[in-house]
Amino acid sequence: MRYVSTRSKAPAKGFSSVLLEGLAQDGGLYTPEEYPQISAKELSLMRTMNYPQLANAVLGKFIDDIHAGDLRELINATYTKENFASDKIVPIKHLEENLYLLDLCQGPTLAFKDMALQFLGRLFEYSLAKSGQSLTILGATSGDTGSSAEYAMRARKGVRVFMLSPLGRMSEFQKKQMYTLQDENIFNIAIKGTFDDCQDIVKAINEDAKFKRQYKIGAVNSINWARIAAQVVYYFWGYFRATNSNDERVMFSVPTGNFGNILAGYVAKQMGLPVEKLILATNENNVLEEFFENGTYRPRVGQEVHATSSPSMDISKASNFERYIFDIVDRNPKRMAELWEGLKSAGFFDLGSEEIEKVRASGFVAGSSTHADRVAMIRSMYEKYRVLVDPHTADGIHTGLKFREKNIPLVCLETAQPAKFAATIRESIGQEPELPKSFKELEKLPERFVSFEPDLEKIKHYIATAV
């Protein structure tokens, strides 16, 4: 399995190389030369597997330069009852006929990002030990990626983490999860701006080849292909638990900001998983809804980016979107250059009519919610099913129900536990969400972070000094 850059100017590499490199040297994102295919026989065998076995079967398609026995050990050490609160790893709630909630938030930080990042922590440590290298992880978070990455990487040998987050734009719980960590290899950087400011700085540093090489910069957010690969697994898992046979098709509704979570569903579909539709759910920052409606991609800037009650989706520039567009333009480097130059110079691009038809054929539909919609959905879920969901999951359910089709199972992805967004939960049902025992002491712990304006050179100086 070889991986190529979406900008087509970097050499193809194996999995272990792209794992440590993160963003390609040409500024592009690595993606498989071809998506591996799952045969009907393999799909039948997968239906009977537990989660670690399924993860091994799926990830083995993407990772062929790590010894099979070592890969199995890494997977088995990751997906345990101790890490994910049950032997099932990913429970599924059957709400009513053909309506399911896939519970991805039982990991250490109560967010779906744990599903991939707990595995990546072990992958990094393993690969660095094999090569005798060290790595400086640089990432940007709008809420959940930061804490999931830091909890996965804390105390890992050979790894340092510098995580940029937008000051004042995360929930109190998310902020406390990150900023109270005292591990010496964790560095929190609060940026006085938006998530997009954070992400722009991360991309700019990755595009500085000399700096990246000197300080051994890698990525742990969904820029890193390994994150996407690990998330593909739970689409297969959800499909098998919402169906009785492989002749059935399903719809997945996915809250998304950076397009990484739903991209994993797209990859599963490309591999042969019987997916009828991928329902993209966003909030007031509905750039992707606009794109899937009319083929125009126009990221918002500055004050156009709303601070909402689903803050992990307050993202305007969806970095993983580039991987999807790469496929839509048939991986044509000239067309990719045209689109990204238009994005840079004019702030948007429009697809041509044939490209729009490819988008429509790819299985996506999209919608958005308002704060009032999310509050109403949280209340409705609690009253109807006695199930409490967070505002991001509420957005996914709200949008999923809009596109629901008769006789086709709808699987809504639950992306975070409600305790992380207490203010919205109080507004919705008039009471506090239950706080997990392990996090009841967070409010008492001291915070440890530095704060900067979105100044690239100052951030680079801080990293260079800290390393």
Protein backbone atom coordinates (compact mmCIF):
# COMPACT_ATOMS: atom_id res chain seq x y z
CA MET A 1 0.00 0.00 0.00
CA ARG A 2 1.47 3.34 -1.10
CA TYR A 3 0.22 6.81 -0.24
CA VAL A 4 0.25 9.86 -2.52
CA SER A 5 -0.20 13.57 -1.83
CA THR A 6 -3.30 15.45 -2.92
CA ARG A 7 -0.94 18.08 -4.39
CA SER A 8 0.90 15.39 -6.42
CA LYS A 9 4.36 16.91 -5.90
CA ALA A 10 5.60 14.68 -3.07
CA PRO A 11 6.88 11.12 -3.59
CA ALA A 12 4.62 8.16 -2.79
CA LYS A 13 5.40 6.59 0.59
CA GLY A 14 4.49 3.65 2.81
CA PHE A 15 2.22 3.83 5.84
CA SER A 16 4.89 4.21 8.51
CA SER A 17 6.44 7.15 6.66
CA VAL A 18 3.17 9.05 6.28
CA LEU A 19 2.31 8.26 9.90
CA LEU A 20 5.35 10.19 11.13
CA GLU A 21 5.30 12.89 8.46
CA GLY A 22 1.64 13.95 8.77
CA LEU A 23 1.25 16.64 6.11
CA ALA A 24 3.14 15.97 2.86
CA GLN A 25 6.17 18.08 1.92
CA ASP A 26 4.18 19.82 -0.83
CA GLY A 27 1.46 20.89 1.62
CA GLY A 28 -0.94 18.17 0.51
CA LEU A 29 -2.60 15.36 2.44
CA TYR A 30 -1.60 11.75 1.99
CA THR A 31 -4.24 9.37 0.69
CA PRO A 32 -4.03 5.76 -0.61
CA GLU A 33 -3.04 5.30 -4.24
CA GLU A 34 -6.10 3.04 -4.43
CA TYR A 35 -8.73 2.21 -1.82
CA PRO A 36 -8.45 -1.45 -0.75
CA GLN A 37 -11.49 -3.54 -1.59
CA ILE A 38 -13.47 -5.82 0.71
CA SER A 39 -14.85 -8.97 -0.95
CA ALA A 40 -18.27 -10.44 -0.18
CA LYS A 41 -16.53 -13.33 1.59
CA GLU A 42 -14.49 -10.97 3.76
CA LEU A 43 -17.60 -8.94 4.60
CA SER A 44 -19.35 -12.12 5.78
CA LEU A 45 -16.41 -13.08 7.98
CA MET A 46 -16.24 -9.58 9.45
CA ARG A 47 -19.83 -9.76 10.66
CA THR A 48 -18.85 -12.34 13.29
CA MET A 49 -15.78 -10.48 14.60
CA ASN A 50 -15.37 -8.57 17.85
CA TYR A 51 -14.04 -5.01 17.65
CA PRO A 52 -10.28 -5.75 17.91
CA GLN A 53 -10.61 -8.51 15.30
CA LEU A 54 -12.52 -6.19 12.97
CA ALA A 55 -9.98 -3.42 13.49
CA ASN A 56 -7.20 -5.84 12.59
CA ALA A 57 -9.02 -6.94 9.42
CA VAL A 58 -9.71 -3.38 8.24
CA LEU A 59 -6.46 -1.72 9.31
CA GLY A 60 -4.43 -4.56 7.86
CA LYS A 61 -5.65 -3.36 4.46
CA PHE A 62 -3.95 0.01 5.02
CA ILE A 63 -0.90 -1.00 7.06
CA ASP A 64 1.39 -3.51 5.38
CA ASP A 65 4.80 -2.30 6.56
CA ILE A 66 4.29 -3.22 10.24
CA HIS A 67 4.66 -6.89 11.13
CA ALA A 68 1.20 -8.48 11.30
CA GLY A 69 1.78 -9.83 14.81
CA ASP A 70 2.97 -6.45 16.08
CA LEU A 71 -0.03 -4.71 14.52
CA ARG A 72 -2.39 -7.19 16.17
CA GLU A 73 -0.73 -6.57 19.56
CA LEU A 74 -1.04 -2.78 19.17
CA ILE A 75 -4.73 -3.11 18.28
CA ASN A 76 -5.47 -5.56 21.11
CA ALA A 77 -3.74 -3.27 23.63
CA THR A 78 -5.82 -0.31 22.42
CA TYR A 79 -9.36 -1.64 22.19
CA THR A 80 -9.89 -2.97 25.71
CA LYS A 81 -12.60 -2.76 28.35
CA GLU A 82 -10.22 -0.69 30.49
CA ASN A 83 -9.92 1.96 27.77
CA PHE A 84 -13.50 1.96 26.50
CA ALA A 85 -15.65 0.95 29.48
CA SER A 86 -17.04 -2.27 27.97
CA ASP A 87 -16.01 -5.34 26.00
CA LYS A 88 -18.12 -4.09 23.10
CA ILE A 89 -15.86 -1.01 22.73
CA VAL A 90 -18.59 0.68 20.65
CA PRO A 91 -22.11 0.01 22.00
CA ILE A 92 -25.11 0.72 19.78
CA LYS A 93 -28.48 1.98 21.05
CA HIS A 94 -31.58 0.78 19.19
CA LEU A 95 -33.98 3.71 19.60
CA GLU A 96 -36.81 2.49 17.38
CA GLU A 97 -37.28 0.54 14.16
CA ASN A 98 -34.40 1.43 11.79
CA LEU A 99 -33.03 4.15 14.06
CA TYR A 100 -29.75 3.63 15.90
CA LEU A 101 -27.22 5.62 17.91
CA LEU A 102 -23.61 4.45 17.55
CA ASP A 103 -21.88 5.29 20.84
CA LEU A 104 -18.31 6.31 20.01
CA CYS A 105 -17.62 8.28 23.19
CA GLN A 106 -16.75 5.72 25.87
CA GLY A 107 -13.00 6.37 25.69
CA PRO A 108 -10.73 8.24 28.12
CA THR A 109 -11.81 11.75 27.04
CA LEU A 110 -15.48 10.92 26.33
CA ALA A 111 -15.23 11.81 22.62
CA PHE A 112 -15.17 9.85 19.37
CA LYS A 113 -11.61 11.05 18.69
CA ASP A 114 -10.41 8.50 21.26
CA MET A 115 -11.36 5.70 18.86
CA ALA A 116 -8.43 6.58 16.60
CA LEU A 117 -6.08 8.51 18.86
CA GLN A 118 -5.69 5.82 21.50
CA PHE A 119 -4.41 3.60 18.69
CA LEU A 120 -2.20 6.35 17.25
CA GLY A 121 -0.48 6.88 20.59
CA ARG A 122 0.71 3.30 20.54
CA LEU A 123 1.53 3.43 16.83
CA PHE A 124 3.75 6.48 17.30
CA GLU A 125 5.58 5.01 20.26
CA TYR A 126 6.14 1.73 18.39
CA SER A 127 7.36 3.36 15.17
CA LEU A 128 9.65 5.81 16.95
CA ALA A 129 11.22 3.05 19.02
CA LYS A 130 11.85 1.03 15.85
CA SER A 131 13.52 3.97 14.09
CA GLY A 132 15.25 5.51 17.10
CA GLN A 133 13.63 8.86 16.35
CA SER A 134 11.65 11.41 18.32
CA LEU A 135 8.63 13.38 17.11
CA THR A 136 7.08 16.77 17.79
CA ILE A 137 3.33 16.49 17.33
CA LEU A 138 1.75 19.76 16.19
CA GLY A 139 -2.03 20.01 16.07
CA ALA A 140 -5.01 22.32 16.11
CA THR A 141 -8.27 21.60 17.93
CA SER A 142 -11.73 23.09 18.07
CA GLY A 143 -12.46 21.07 21.20
CA ASP A 144 -12.18 17.30 21.28
CA THR A 145 -9.12 16.46 19.16
CA GLY A 146 -6.83 18.29 21.58
CA SER A 147 -7.75 16.43 24.73
CA SER A 148 -8.01 13.07 22.93
CA ALA A 149 -4.56 13.57 21.40
CA GLU A 150 -2.99 14.73 24.64
CA TYR A 151 -4.46 11.88 26.69
CA ALA A 152 -3.26 9.42 24.04
CA MET A 153 0.27 10.88 23.88
CA ARG A 154 0.93 11.82 27.51
CA ALA A 155 4.09 10.13 28.81
CA ARG A 156 4.66 8.37 25.45
CA LYS A 157 8.38 7.93 24.84
CA GLY A 158 9.87 10.07 22.10
CA VAL A 159 6.76 12.24 21.64
CA ARG A 160 6.11 15.91 22.43
CA VAL A 161 2.72 17.53 21.76
CA PHE A 162 2.07 21.18 20.92
CA MET A 163 -1.69 21.76 20.64
CA LEU A 164 -3.22 25.02 19.40
CA SER A 165 -6.78 25.85 20.50
CA PRO A 166 -8.98 28.98 20.11
CA LEU A 167 -9.00 30.91 23.38
CA GLY A 168 -12.53 31.16 24.84
CA ARG A 169 -14.18 29.10 22.09
CA MET A 170 -14.27 25.65 23.73
CA SER A 171 -16.64 24.40 26.40
CA GLU A 172 -15.43 24.68 30.00
CA PHE A 173 -15.13 20.89 30.20
CA GLN A 174 -13.06 20.67 27.01
CA LYS A 175 -10.79 23.46 28.21
CA LYS A 176 -10.26 21.83 31.61
CA GLN A 177 -9.51 18.45 30.05
CA MET A 178 -6.65 19.97 28.06
CA TYR A 179 -5.27 22.79 30.17
CA THR A 180 -5.07 20.87 33.45
CA LEU A 181 -2.65 18.27 32.10
CA GLN A 182 0.73 18.62 33.82
CA ASP A 183 2.76 16.14 31.75
CA GLU A 184 6.11 17.55 30.67
CA ASN A 185 5.66 16.43 27.05
CA ILE A 186 2.33 18.33 26.64
CA PHE A 187 2.27 22.01 25.58
CA ASN A 188 -1.07 23.84 25.26
CA ILE A 189 -1.13 27.03 23.17
CA ALA A 190 -4.29 29.15 23.35
CA ILE A 191 -4.66 31.34 20.25
CA LYS A 192 -6.57 34.63 20.44
CA GLY A 193 -8.69 33.87 17.38
CA THR A 194 -10.70 31.10 15.73
CA PHE A 195 -10.00 27.44 15.06
CA ASP A 196 -9.22 28.36 11.47
CA ASP A 197 -6.43 30.63 12.74
CA CYS A 198 -5.03 27.67 14.66
CA GLN A 199 -5.29 25.35 11.67
CA ASP A 200 -3.69 27.92 9.33
CA ILE A 201 -0.66 28.17 11.64
CA VAL A 202 -0.31 24.39 11.79
CA LYS A 203 -0.45 24.11 8.00
CA ALA A 204 2.02 26.98 7.52
CA ILE A 205 4.52 25.35 9.89
CA ASN A 206 4.12 22.02 8.08
CA GLU A 207 4.79 23.74 4.77
CA ASP A 208 8.09 25.15 6.11
CA ALA A 209 10.22 22.14 5.10
CA LYS A 210 13.35 23.34 6.90
CA PHE A 211 11.58 24.01 10.22
CA LYS A 212 9.58 20.80 9.96
CA ARG A 213 12.71 18.75 9.37
CA GLN A 214 14.76 20.50 12.07
CA TYR A 215 12.14 20.05 14.80
CA LYS A 216 10.72 16.73 13.52
CA ILE A 217 7.15 18.00 13.16
CA GLY A 218 4.33 15.49 12.74
CA ALA A 219 0.53 15.63 12.97
CA VAL A 220 -2.03 13.85 15.10
CA ASN A 221 -5.25 15.49 13.95
CA SER A 222 -7.15 14.23 10.91
CA ILE A 223 -4.46 15.64 8.62
CA ASN A 224 -2.74 12.37 9.52
CA TRP A 225 -4.05 9.50 7.37
CA ALA A 226 -3.70 7.02 10.25
CA ARG A 227 -6.53 8.87 12.03
CA ILE A 228 -8.86 8.35 9.09
CA ALA A 229 -7.91 4.68 8.69
CA ALA A 230 -8.67 3.91 12.34
CA GLN A 231 -12.06 5.65 12.07
CA VAL A 232 -13.06 3.55 9.04
CA VAL A 233 -13.36 0.55 11.38
CA TYR A 234 -16.42 1.76 13.28
CA TYR A 235 -18.43 2.26 10.10
CA PHE A 236 -18.09 -1.45 9.42
CA TRP A 237 -18.93 -2.16 13.07
CA GLY A 238 -22.04 0.05 12.96
CA TYR A 239 -23.20 -1.49 9.69
CA PHE A 240 -23.06 -5.03 11.06
CA ARG A 241 -24.99 -4.07 14.20
CA ALA A 242 -27.77 -2.24 12.36
CA THR A 243 -28.36 -4.99 9.78
CA ASN A 244 -29.04 -8.70 9.69
CA SER A 245 -27.41 -9.52 6.36
CA ASN A 246 -24.92 -8.03 3.94
CA ASP A 247 -27.67 -7.56 1.36
CA GLU A 248 -28.97 -4.59 3.36
CA ARG A 249 -27.86 -0.97 3.03
CA VAL A 250 -27.61 1.70 5.73
CA MET A 251 -27.47 5.47 6.08
CA PHE A 252 -25.00 7.16 8.43
CA SER A 253 -25.61 10.63 9.86
CA VAL A 254 -22.36 12.26 10.93
CA PRO A 255 -21.76 15.57 12.76
CA THR A 256 -18.70 17.04 11.11
CA GLY A 257 -16.53 20.14 11.13
CA ASN A 258 -13.16 19.21 9.64
CA PHE A 259 -14.64 16.51 7.34
CA GLY A 260 -12.48 13.79 8.89
CA ASN A 261 -15.17 11.70 10.57
CA ILE A 262 -17.43 11.54 7.54
CA LEU A 263 -14.46 11.07 5.19
CA ALA A 264 -13.82 7.78 7.01
CA GLY A 265 -17.39 6.78 6.11
CA TYR A 266 -16.74 7.72 2.48
CA VAL A 267 -13.60 5.55 2.50
CA ALA A 268 -15.59 2.62 3.95
CA LYS A 269 -18.13 3.08 1.15
CA GLN A 270 -15.34 3.15 -1.45
CA MET A 271 -14.01 -0.11 0.01
CA GLY A 272 -17.34 -1.80 -0.62
CA LEU A 273 -19.37 -1.31 2.56
CA PRO A 274 -23.07 -1.17 1.53
CA VAL A 275 -23.79 2.48 2.41
CA GLU A 276 -26.87 4.09 0.87
CA LYS A 277 -26.16 7.68 1.97
CA LEU A 278 -23.70 9.64 4.07
CA ILE A 279 -25.60 12.45 5.78
CA LEU A 280 -23.31 15.37 6.63
CA ALA A 281 -24.58 17.38 9.60
CA THR A 282 -23.18 20.78 10.47
CA ASN A 283 -24.21 23.85 12.45
CA GLU A 284 -24.51 27.57 11.69
CA ASN A 285 -21.06 27.35 10.07
CA ASN A 286 -22.63 25.60 7.11
CA VAL A 287 -19.89 25.87 4.47
CA LEU A 288 -20.13 22.17 3.62
CA GLU A 289 -23.92 22.20 3.42
CA GLU A 290 -23.61 25.00 0.86
CA PHE A 291 -21.06 23.02 -1.13
CA PHE A 292 -23.15 19.86 -1.34
CA GLU A 293 -26.16 21.92 -2.41
CA ASN A 294 -24.56 23.92 -5.23
CA GLY A 295 -20.90 22.96 -5.75
CA THR A 296 -19.48 26.20 -4.32
CA TYR A 297 -16.88 25.96 -1.59
CA ARG A 298 -16.48 29.28 0.23
CA PRO A 299 -14.86 29.12 3.67
CA ARG A 300 -15.89 31.95 5.97
CA VAL A 301 -13.37 34.33 7.47
CA GLY A 302 -13.00 36.20 10.76
CA GLN A 303 -16.30 37.21 12.32
CA GLU A 304 -18.22 35.17 9.73
CA VAL A 305 -17.23 32.08 11.74
CA HIS A 306 -19.92 31.73 14.41
CA ALA A 307 -19.21 30.64 17.98
CA THR A 308 -21.98 28.09 18.60
CA SER A 309 -23.26 25.59 21.16
CA SER A 310 -21.61 22.80 19.10
CA PRO A 311 -18.10 24.31 19.24
CA SER A 312 -16.19 21.34 17.85
CA MET A 313 -17.89 22.11 14.53
CA ASP A 314 -17.11 25.83 14.50
CA ILE A 315 -14.81 25.26 11.57
CA SER A 316 -14.84 27.04 8.24
CA LYS A 317 -11.92 25.43 6.39
CA ALA A 318 -12.38 21.66 6.48
CA SER A 319 -8.87 20.32 5.89
CA ASN A 320 -9.93 16.76 5.02
CA PHE A 321 -12.19 18.11 2.31
CA GLU A 322 -9.10 18.23 0.10
CA ARG A 323 -8.90 14.44 0.09
CA TYR A 324 -12.48 14.20 -1.12
CA ILE A 325 -12.04 16.83 -3.85
CA PHE A 326 -8.91 14.97 -5.00
CA ASP A 327 -11.17 12.04 -5.88
CA ILE A 328 -13.90 14.22 -7.40
CA VAL A 329 -11.44 15.71 -9.93
CA ASP A 330 -10.11 12.22 -10.74
CA ARG A 331 -6.85 13.02 -8.93
CA ASN A 332 -5.89 15.48 -11.67
CA PRO A 333 -3.00 17.62 -10.32
CA LYS A 334 -3.66 20.48 -12.74
CA ARG A 335 -7.31 20.75 -11.70
CA MET A 336 -6.39 20.54 -8.01
CA ALA A 337 -3.92 23.40 -8.49
CA GLU A 338 -6.59 25.47 -10.25
CA LEU A 339 -9.13 24.97 -7.48
CA TRP A 340 -6.73 25.67 -4.62
CA GLU A 341 -5.30 28.72 -6.37
CA GLY A 342 -8.86 30.03 -6.75
CA LEU A 343 -9.47 29.33 -3.08
CA LYS A 344 -6.34 31.25 -2.16
CA SER A 345 -6.88 34.25 -4.47
CA ALA A 346 -10.68 34.61 -4.52
CA GLY A 347 -11.66 32.87 -1.29
CA PHE A 348 -13.83 30.24 -2.99
CA PHE A 349 -14.07 27.83 -5.89
CA ASP A 350 -16.91 26.47 -8.04
CA LEU A 351 -16.96 22.96 -9.45
CA GLY A 352 -17.88 22.33 -13.07
CA SER A 353 -21.10 20.59 -14.03
CA GLU A 354 -19.48 17.17 -14.55
CA GLU A 355 -17.72 17.44 -11.20
CA ILE A 356 -20.99 18.36 -9.48
CA GLU A 357 -22.54 15.21 -10.96
CA LYS A 358 -19.70 13.18 -9.44
CA VAL A 359 -20.40 14.81 -6.08
CA ARG A 360 -24.07 13.86 -6.33
CA ALA A 361 -23.14 10.29 -7.26
CA SER A 362 -20.74 9.94 -4.33
CA GLY A 363 -23.56 9.40 -1.82
CA PHE A 364 -23.49 12.62 0.24
CA VAL A 365 -26.38 14.80 1.38
CA ALA A 366 -25.97 17.66 3.85
CA GLY A 367 -27.93 19.77 6.30
CA SER A 368 -27.44 22.02 9.31
CA SER A 369 -29.04 22.95 12.61
CA THR A 370 -29.49 26.05 14.73
CA HIS A 371 -29.00 26.33 18.48
CA ALA A 372 -32.78 26.09 18.90
CA ASP A 373 -32.82 22.90 16.81
CA ARG A 374 -30.15 21.31 18.96
CA VAL A 375 -31.85 22.24 22.23
CA ALA A 376 -35.14 20.85 20.94
CA MET A 377 -33.51 17.61 19.80
CA ILE A 378 -31.69 17.07 23.11
CA ARG A 379 -35.00 17.55 24.94
CA SER A 380 -36.88 15.29 22.52
CA MET A 381 -34.32 12.47 22.78
CA TYR A 382 -34.45 12.64 26.56
CA GLU A 383 -38.23 12.72 26.78
CA LYS A 384 -38.86 10.07 24.13
CA TYR A 385 -36.05 7.58 24.75
CA ARG A 386 -34.54 8.68 28.11
CA VAL A 387 -31.27 9.10 26.20
CA LEU A 388 -29.20 12.21 26.80
CA VAL A 389 -27.03 13.39 23.89
CA ASP A 390 -24.56 16.24 23.44
CA PRO A 391 -25.24 19.16 21.04
CA HIS A 392 -23.06 17.77 18.23
CA THR A 393 -24.86 14.44 18.29
CA ALA A 394 -28.15 16.33 18.44
CA ASP A 395 -27.16 18.13 15.25
CA GLY A 396 -26.47 14.75 13.61
CA ILE A 397 -29.83 13.31 14.66
CA HIS A 398 -31.70 16.48 13.62
CA THR A 399 -30.17 16.40 10.14
CA GLY A 400 -30.31 12.62 9.85
CA LEU A 401 -34.05 12.56 10.43
CA LYS A 402 -34.51 15.10 7.62
CA PHE A 403 -33.05 12.65 5.12
CA ARG A 404 -34.28 9.41 6.67
CA GLU A 405 -35.68 6.89 4.17
CA LYS A 406 -38.28 4.22 4.82
CA ASN A 407 -37.00 0.69 5.47
CA ILE A 408 -33.32 1.74 5.51
CA PRO A 409 -31.55 1.73 8.89
CA LEU A 410 -30.34 5.17 9.94
CA VAL A 411 -27.24 5.08 12.16
CA CYS A 412 -26.49 8.39 13.91
CA LEU A 413 -22.95 8.75 15.23
CA GLU A 414 -22.75 9.82 18.87
CA THR A 415 -19.59 11.90 19.06
CA ALA A 416 -19.26 13.13 22.67
CA GLN A 417 -20.80 12.62 26.08
CA PRO A 418 -23.21 15.34 27.25
CA ALA A 419 -21.15 16.11 30.36
CA LYS A 420 -18.74 18.01 28.13
CA PHE A 421 -21.43 20.59 27.27
CA ALA A 422 -23.24 21.16 30.54
CA ALA A 423 -24.60 24.65 29.73
CA THR A 424 -26.54 23.44 26.69
CA ILE A 425 -27.79 20.38 28.55
CA ARG A 426 -29.09 22.57 31.40
CA GLU A 427 -30.91 24.76 28.89
CA SER A 428 -32.40 21.72 27.15
CA ILE A 429 -33.68 19.58 30.04
CA GLY A 430 -33.34 21.84 33.08
CA GLN A 431 -30.81 19.71 34.91
CA GLU A 432 -27.10 18.95 35.01
CA PRO A 433 -25.67 16.05 33.00
CA GLU A 434 -24.05 13.37 35.12
CA LEU A 435 -20.33 13.93 35.43
CA PRO A 436 -18.13 10.80 35.13
CA LYS A 437 -16.30 9.99 38.35
CA SER A 438 -12.87 10.32 36.77
CA PHE A 439 -13.52 13.93 35.78
CA LYS A 440 -15.15 15.33 38.91
CA GLU A 441 -11.83 16.71 40.11
CA LEU A 442 -11.05 18.65 36.91
CA GLU A 443 -12.43 21.96 38.16
CA LYS A 444 -10.06 21.92 41.14
CA LEU A 445 -6.89 21.38 39.10
CA PRO A 446 -4.57 24.22 38.03
CA GLU A 447 -4.40 25.13 34.35
CA ARG A 448 -1.15 25.11 32.39
CA PHE A 449 -1.08 26.88 29.02
CA VAL A 450 0.39 29.86 27.14
CA SER A 451 -1.53 32.35 25.02
CA PHE A 452 -0.57 34.11 21.78
CA GLU A 453 -2.04 36.22 19.03
CA PRO A 454 -2.28 34.21 15.77
CA ASP A 455 1.33 35.08 14.91
CA LEU A 456 3.16 32.36 12.98
CA GLU A 457 6.68 33.49 13.85
CA LYS A 458 5.96 33.75 17.57
CA ILE A 459 4.50 30.23 17.60
CA LYS A 460 7.54 28.87 15.76
CA HIS A 461 9.85 30.60 18.23
CA TYR A 462 7.93 29.11 21.17
CA ILE A 463 8.16 25.59 19.72
CA ALA A 464 11.86 25.97 18.93
CA THR A 465 12.58 27.22 22.44
CA ALA A 466 10.50 24.51 24.17
CA VAL A 467 11.98 21.67 22.13
